PDB file of N, CA and C in Angstrom:
ATOM      1  N   MET A   1     -11.090  -9.999  23.193  1.00  0.00           N
ATOM      2  CA  MET A   1     -10.176  -9.548  22.434  1.00  0.00           C
ATOM      3  C   MET A   1      -9.555  -9.999  21.218  1.00  0.00           C
ATOM      4  N   ALA A   2      -9.213  -8.587  20.163  1.00  0.00           N
ATOM      5  CA  ALA A   2      -8.575  -8.531  18.736  1.00  0.00           C
ATOM      6  C   ALA A   2      -7.056  -8.707  19.317  1.00  0.00           C
ATOM      7  N   ILE A   3      -6.604  -9.713  18.130  1.00  0.00           N
ATOM      8  CA  ILE A   3      -5.509 -10.032  17.710  1.00  0.00           C
ATOM      9  C   ILE A   3      -4.778  -9.109  16.568  1.00  0.00           C
ATOM     10  N   LEU A   4      -4.406  -8.397  16.453  1.00  0.00           N
ATOM     11  CA  LEU A   4      -3.563  -7.875  15.085  1.00  0.00           C
ATOM     12  C   LEU A   4      -2.672  -7.525  14.637  1.00  0.00           C
ATOM     13  N   LYS A   5      -2.793  -8.033  13.470  1.00  0.00           N
ATOM     14  CA  LYS A   5      -1.158  -7.854  12.816  1.00  0.00           C
ATOM     15  C   LYS A   5      -0.966  -7.134  11.643  1.00  0.00           C
ATOM     16  N   VAL A   6       0.693  -6.308  11.900  1.00  0.00           N
ATOM     17  CA  VAL A   6       0.530  -5.522  10.619  1.00  0.00           C
ATOM     18  C   VAL A   6       1.571  -6.316   9.481  1.00  0.00           C
ATOM     19  N   ILE A   7       1.979  -5.758   8.673  1.00  0.00           N
ATOM     20  CA  ILE A   7       2.909  -5.996   7.298  1.00  0.00           C
ATOM     21  C   ILE A   7       2.775  -4.994   6.460  1.00  0.00           C
ATOM     22  N   GLU A   8       4.077  -4.907   5.863  1.00  0.00           N
ATOM     23  CA  GLU A   8       4.318  -4.134   5.236  1.00  0.00           C
ATOM     24  C   GLU A   8       4.207  -4.301   3.594  1.00  0.00           C
ATOM     25  N   VAL A   9       4.030  -3.347   2.588  1.00  0.00           N
ATOM     26  CA  VAL A   9       3.672  -3.609   1.382  1.00  0.00           C
ATOM     27  C   VAL A   9       4.236  -2.368   0.698  1.00  0.00           C
ATOM     28  N   LEU A  10       5.068  -3.272  -0.071  1.00  0.00           N
ATOM     29  CA  LEU A  10       5.470  -2.102  -1.349  1.00  0.00           C
ATOM     30  C   LEU A  10       4.693  -1.973  -2.485  1.00  0.00           C
ATOM     31  N   ALA A  11       4.427  -0.826  -3.476  1.00  0.00           N
ATOM     32  CA  ALA A  11       3.190  -0.371  -4.602  1.00  0.00           C
ATOM     33  C   ALA A  11       3.808   0.604  -5.253  1.00  0.00           C
ATOM     34  N   ASN A  12       3.116   0.683  -6.533  1.00  0.00           N
ATOM     35  CA  ASN A  12       3.745   1.809  -7.545  1.00  0.00           C
ATOM     36  C   ASN A  12       2.272   2.041  -8.386  1.00  0.00           C
ATOM     37  N   SER A  13       2.129   2.983  -8.888  1.00  0.00           N
ATOM     38  CA  SER A  13       1.935   3.268  -9.774  1.00  0.00           C
ATOM     39  C   SER A  13       1.529   4.466 -10.926  1.00  0.00           C
ATOM     40  N   ASP A  14       1.488   4.332 -11.629  1.00  0.00           N
ATOM     41  CA  ASP A  14       1.854   5.755 -13.026  1.00  0.00           C
ATOM     42  C   ASP A  14       0.674   6.609 -12.897  1.00  0.00           C
ATOM     43  N   LYS A  15      -0.497   6.669 -12.092  1.00  0.00           N
ATOM     44  CA  LYS A  15      -1.560   7.439 -12.087  1.00  0.00           C
ATOM     45  C   LYS A  15      -0.977   8.260 -10.721  1.00  0.00           C
ATOM     46  N   SER A  16      -1.174   7.680  -9.349  1.00  0.00           N
ATOM     47  CA  SER A  16      -1.440   8.622  -8.180  1.00  0.00           C
ATOM     48  C   SER A  16      -0.990   7.634  -7.005  1.00  0.00           C
ATOM     49  N   TRP A  17      -0.512   8.326  -5.952  1.00  0.00           N
ATOM     50  CA  TRP A  17      -0.262   8.073  -4.769  1.00  0.00           C
ATOM     51  C   TRP A  17      -1.720   6.797  -3.687  1.00  0.00           C
ATOM     52  N   GLU A  18      -2.468   7.905  -4.520  1.00  0.00           N
ATOM     53  CA  GLU A  18      -3.640   7.267  -3.926  1.00  0.00           C
ATOM     54  C   GLU A  18      -3.685   5.799  -4.886  1.00  0.00           C
ATOM     55  N   ASP A  19      -3.635   6.014  -5.999  1.00  0.00           N
ATOM     56  CA  ASP A  19      -4.027   4.414  -7.114  1.00  0.00           C
ATOM     57  C   ASP A  19      -3.030   3.337  -6.352  1.00  0.00           C
ATOM     58  N   ALA A  20      -1.838   3.631  -6.111  1.00  0.00           N
ATOM     59  CA  ALA A  20      -0.442   3.080  -5.800  1.00  0.00           C
ATOM     60  C   ALA A  20      -1.462   2.183  -3.819  1.00  0.00           C
ATOM     61  N   THR A  21      -1.832   3.224  -3.786  1.00  0.00           N
ATOM     62  CA  THR A  21      -2.230   2.707  -2.033  1.00  0.00           C
ATOM     63  C   THR A  21      -2.954   1.757  -2.049  1.00  0.00           C
ATOM     64  N   LYS A  22      -3.912   2.027  -3.754  1.00  0.00           N
ATOM     65  CA  LYS A  22      -5.448   0.713  -3.286  1.00  0.00           C
ATOM     66  C   LYS A  22      -4.891  -0.561  -3.902  1.00  0.00           C
ATOM     67  N   LYS A  23      -3.760   0.087  -5.363  1.00  0.00           N
ATOM     68  CA  LYS A  23      -3.077  -1.707  -5.202  1.00  0.00           C
ATOM     69  C   LYS A  23      -2.707  -1.848  -4.418  1.00  0.00           C
ATOM     70  N   ALA A  24      -1.954  -1.915  -3.269  1.00  0.00           N
ATOM     71  CA  ALA A  24      -1.671  -2.557  -2.557  1.00  0.00           C
ATOM     72  C   ALA A  24      -2.488  -2.903  -1.612  1.00  0.00           C
ATOM     73  N   VAL A  25      -3.448  -2.700  -1.337  1.00  0.00           N
ATOM     74  CA  VAL A  25      -4.662  -3.248  -0.033  1.00  0.00           C
ATOM     75  C   VAL A  25      -5.291  -4.542  -1.426  1.00  0.00           C
ATOM     76  N   ALA A  26      -5.645  -4.110  -2.498  1.00  0.00           N
ATOM     77  CA  ALA A  26      -6.075  -5.049  -3.514  1.00  0.00           C
ATOM     78  C   ALA A  26      -5.094  -6.261  -3.380  1.00  0.00           C
ATOM     79  N   GLN A  27      -3.677  -6.108  -3.988  1.00  0.00           N
ATOM     80  CA  GLN A  27      -2.951  -7.148  -4.137  1.00  0.00           C
ATOM     81  C   GLN A  27      -3.377  -8.159  -2.743  1.00  0.00           C
ATOM     82  N   ALA A  28      -2.840  -7.118  -1.488  1.00  0.00           N
ATOM     83  CA  ALA A  28      -2.557  -7.863  -0.196  1.00  0.00           C
ATOM     84  C   ALA A  28      -4.207  -8.642   0.429  1.00  0.00           C
ATOM     85  N   SER A  29      -5.158  -8.411  -0.143  1.00  0.00           N
ATOM     86  CA  SER A  29      -6.790  -8.780   0.180  1.00  0.00           C
ATOM     87  C   SER A  29      -6.469 -10.560  -0.222  1.00  0.00           C
ATOM     88  N   LYS A  30      -5.864 -10.281  -2.021  1.00  0.00           N
ATOM     89  CA  LYS A  30      -5.568 -11.669  -2.421  1.00  0.00           C
ATOM     90  C   LYS A  30      -5.233 -12.756  -1.327  1.00  0.00           C
ATOM     91  N   SER A  31      -4.235 -12.423  -0.432  1.00  0.00           N
ATOM     92  CA  SER A  31      -3.555 -13.669   0.256  1.00  0.00           C
ATOM     93  C   SER A  31      -4.325 -13.609   2.235  1.00  0.00           C
ATOM     94  N   VAL A  32      -4.484 -12.030   2.607  1.00  0.00           N
ATOM     95  CA  VAL A  32      -4.700 -12.006   3.846  1.00  0.00           C
ATOM     96  C   VAL A  32      -6.327 -11.327   3.689  1.00  0.00           C
ATOM     97  N   LYS A  33      -6.940 -11.618   4.833  1.00  0.00           N
ATOM     98  CA  LYS A  33      -8.137 -11.294   5.296  1.00  0.00           C
ATOM     99  C   LYS A  33      -8.603 -10.424   5.975  1.00  0.00           C
ATOM    100  N   ASN A  34      -9.393  -9.884   6.923  1.00  0.00           N
ATOM    101  CA  ASN A  34      -9.745  -9.383   7.735  1.00  0.00           C
ATOM    102  C   ASN A  34      -8.986  -8.045   7.731  1.00  0.00           C
ATOM    103  N   ILE A  35      -8.573  -6.992   6.532  1.00  0.00           N
ATOM    104  CA  ILE A  35      -7.794  -6.162   6.484  1.00  0.00           C
ATOM    105  C   ILE A  35      -8.765  -4.591   7.614  1.00  0.00           C
ATOM    106  N   ARG A  36      -8.155  -4.540   8.410  1.00  0.00           N
ATOM    107  CA  ARG A  36      -8.362  -3.157   9.069  1.00  0.00           C
ATOM    108  C   ARG A  36      -8.467  -1.794   8.841  1.00  0.00           C
ATOM    109  N   SER A  37      -7.303  -1.431   8.121  1.00  0.00           N
ATOM    110  CA  SER A  37      -6.473  -0.185   8.352  1.00  0.00           C
ATOM    111  C   SER A  37      -4.990  -0.083   7.021  1.00  0.00           C
ATOM    112  N   VAL A  38      -4.867   1.098   6.577  1.00  0.00           N
ATOM    113  CA  VAL A  38      -3.987   0.475   5.422  1.00  0.00           C
ATOM    114  C   VAL A  38      -3.742   2.286   5.967  1.00  0.00           C
ATOM    115  N   TYR A  39      -1.711   2.284   6.519  1.00  0.00           N
ATOM    116  CA  TYR A  39      -1.154   3.745   6.747  1.00  0.00           C
ATOM    117  C   TYR A  39      -0.082   3.815   5.888  1.00  0.00           C
ATOM    118  N   VAL A  40      -0.477   4.949   5.285  1.00  0.00           N
ATOM    119  CA  VAL A  40       0.665   5.099   4.655  1.00  0.00           C
ATOM    120  C   VAL A  40       1.890   5.968   5.129  1.00  0.00           C
ATOM    121  N   ASN A  41       2.879   4.674   5.165  1.00  0.00           N
ATOM    122  CA  ASN A  41       4.190   5.080   5.864  1.00  0.00           C
ATOM    123  C   ASN A  41       5.594   6.179   4.872  1.00  0.00           C
ATOM    124  N   GLU A  42       4.823   6.024   4.020  1.00  0.00           N
ATOM    125  CA  GLU A  42       6.372   6.881   2.822  1.00  0.00           C
ATOM    126  C   GLU A  42       5.866   7.078   1.558  1.00  0.00           C
ATOM    127  N   GLN A  43       6.070   7.631   0.807  1.00  0.00           N
ATOM    128  CA  GLN A  43       5.823   8.396  -0.496  1.00  0.00           C
ATOM    129  C   GLN A  43       7.249   8.900  -1.226  1.00  0.00           C
ATOM    130  N   SER A  44       7.009   7.985  -2.448  1.00  0.00           N
ATOM    131  CA  SER A  44       8.336   8.641  -3.311  1.00  0.00           C
ATOM    132  C   SER A  44       8.166   8.659  -5.013  1.00  0.00           C
ATOM    133  N   ALA A  45       8.801   9.704  -5.350  1.00  0.00           N
ATOM    134  CA  ALA A  45       8.292   8.839  -7.368  1.00  0.00           C
ATOM    135  C   ALA A  45       9.670   9.311  -8.045  1.00  0.00           C
ATOM    136  N   MET A  46       9.033   8.449  -9.209  1.00  0.00           N
ATOM    137  CA  MET A  46      10.361   8.135  -9.582  1.00  0.00           C
ATOM    138  C   MET A  46       9.786   9.196 -10.693  1.00  0.00           C
ATOM    139  N   VAL A  47      10.791  10.226 -11.788  1.00  0.00           N
ATOM    140  CA  VAL A  47      11.222  11.290 -12.632  1.00  0.00           C
ATOM    141  C   VAL A  47      12.003  10.900 -14.094  1.00  0.00           C
ATOM    142  N   ASP A  48      11.625  11.270 -14.784  1.00  0.00           N
ATOM    143  CA  ASP A  48      11.883  10.783 -15.746  1.00  0.00           C
ATOM    144  C   ASP A  48      11.318  12.116 -16.810  1.00  0.00           C
ATOM    145  N   ASN A  49      12.793  12.073 -17.946  1.00  0.00           N
ATOM    146  CA  ASN A  49      12.513  13.517 -18.663  1.00  0.00           C
ATOM    147  C   ASN A  49      12.018  14.220 -18.168  1.00  0.00           C
ATOM    148  N   GLY A  50      12.299  14.965 -17.015  1.00  0.00           N
ATOM    149  CA  GLY A  50      11.581  16.484 -15.995  1.00  0.00           C
ATOM    150  C   GLY A  50      10.112  15.754 -15.461  1.00  0.00           C
ATOM    151  N   GLU A  51       9.493  14.943 -15.895  1.00  0.00           N
ATOM    152  CA  GLU A  51       8.018  14.652 -15.254  1.00  0.00           C
ATOM    153  C   GLU A  51       7.569  13.341 -14.365  1.00  0.00           C
ATOM    154  N   VAL A  52       7.131  13.423 -13.778  1.00  0.00           N
ATOM    155  CA  VAL A  52       6.674  12.324 -13.153  1.00  0.00           C
ATOM    156  C   VAL A  52       6.261  11.005 -13.597  1.00  0.00           C
ATOM    157  N   SER A  53       6.978   9.917 -13.174  1.00  0.00           N
ATOM    158  CA  SER A  53       6.421   8.828 -14.507  1.00  0.00           C
ATOM    159  C   SER A  53       6.168   7.805 -13.359  1.00  0.00           C
ATOM    160  N   GLU A  54       6.005   7.549 -12.005  1.00  0.00           N
ATOM    161  CA  GLU A  54       5.308   6.634 -11.207  1.00  0.00           C
ATOM    162  C   GLU A  54       5.872   7.102 -10.017  1.00  0.00           C
ATOM    163  N   PHE A  55       4.214   6.678  -9.073  1.00  0.00           N
ATOM    164  CA  PHE A  55       4.349   7.432  -7.810  1.00  0.00           C
ATOM    165  C   PHE A  55       4.455   5.498  -7.101  1.00  0.00           C
ATOM    166  N   ARG A  56       5.009   6.113  -5.872  1.00  0.00           N
ATOM    167  CA  ARG A  56       5.575   4.994  -5.062  1.00  0.00           C
ATOM    168  C   ARG A  56       4.815   4.760  -4.322  1.00  0.00           C
ATOM    169  N   VAL A  57       4.386   3.666  -2.937  1.00  0.00           N
ATOM    170  CA  VAL A  57       3.987   3.989  -1.752  1.00  0.00           C
ATOM    171  C   VAL A  57       4.618   2.694  -0.678  1.00  0.00           C
ATOM    172  N   ASN A  58       5.207   2.963   0.659  1.00  0.00           N
ATOM    173  CA  ASN A  58       5.386   2.152   1.523  1.00  0.00           C
ATOM    174  C   ASN A  58       3.995   1.731   2.217  1.00  0.00           C
ATOM    175  N   VAL A  59       3.493   1.220   2.664  1.00  0.00           N
ATOM    176  CA  VAL A  59       2.353   0.698   3.785  1.00  0.00           C
ATOM    177  C   VAL A  59       2.277  -0.311   4.582  1.00  0.00           C
ATOM    178  N   LYS A  60       1.295   0.243   5.616  1.00  0.00           N
ATOM    179  CA  LYS A  60       1.385  -1.198   6.614  1.00  0.00           C
ATOM    180  C   LYS A  60       0.320  -0.922   6.553  1.00  0.00           C
ATOM    181  N   ILE A  61      -0.165  -1.999   6.961  1.00  0.00           N
ATOM    182  CA  ILE A  61      -1.994  -2.928   6.166  1.00  0.00           C
ATOM    183  C   ILE A  61      -1.763  -3.772   8.214  1.00  0.00           C
ATOM    184  N   THR A  62      -2.987  -3.516   8.449  1.00  0.00           N
ATOM    185  CA  THR A  62      -2.964  -4.208   9.447  1.00  0.00           C
ATOM    186  C   THR A  62      -4.849  -4.465   8.903  1.00  0.00           C
ATOM    187  N   PHE A  63      -4.486  -5.684  10.223  1.00  0.00           N
ATOM    188  CA  PHE A  63      -5.840  -7.331   9.985  1.00  0.00           C
ATOM    189  C   PHE A  63      -5.654  -7.748  11.334  1.00  0.00           C
ATOM    190  N   GLU A  64      -6.795  -8.591  11.348  1.00  0.00           N
ATOM    191  CA  GLU A  64      -7.309  -9.262  11.925  1.00  0.00           C
ATOM    192  C   GLU A  64      -7.196 -10.542  12.212  1.00  0.00           C
ATOM    193  N   VAL A  65      -6.116 -11.575  13.462  1.00  0.00           N
ATOM    194  CA  VAL A  65      -6.030 -12.645  12.794  1.00  0.00           C
ATOM    195  C   VAL A  65      -6.859 -13.754  13.917  1.00  0.00           C
ATOM    196  N   LYS A  66      -7.422 -14.290  13.100  1.00  0.00           N
ATOM    197  CA  LYS A  66      -8.891 -15.195  13.805  1.00  0.00           C
ATOM    198  C   LYS A  66      -8.053 -16.642  14.434  1.00  0.00           C
TER     199      LYS A  66
END
């Protein structure tokens, strides 16, 4: 039986929500091992002068505790 833990991570990108998600996983993987999945819980964006300037995600990252 595997024991899994979930952490919540916030990340941003000036390119896309997908890029922000990848950044969240990359940053989390520096200190968390055995990442199994990522769930995008929430998306938002900042607008500057009528254009989207930043994409933000709130993700839940699941990893196995050994």
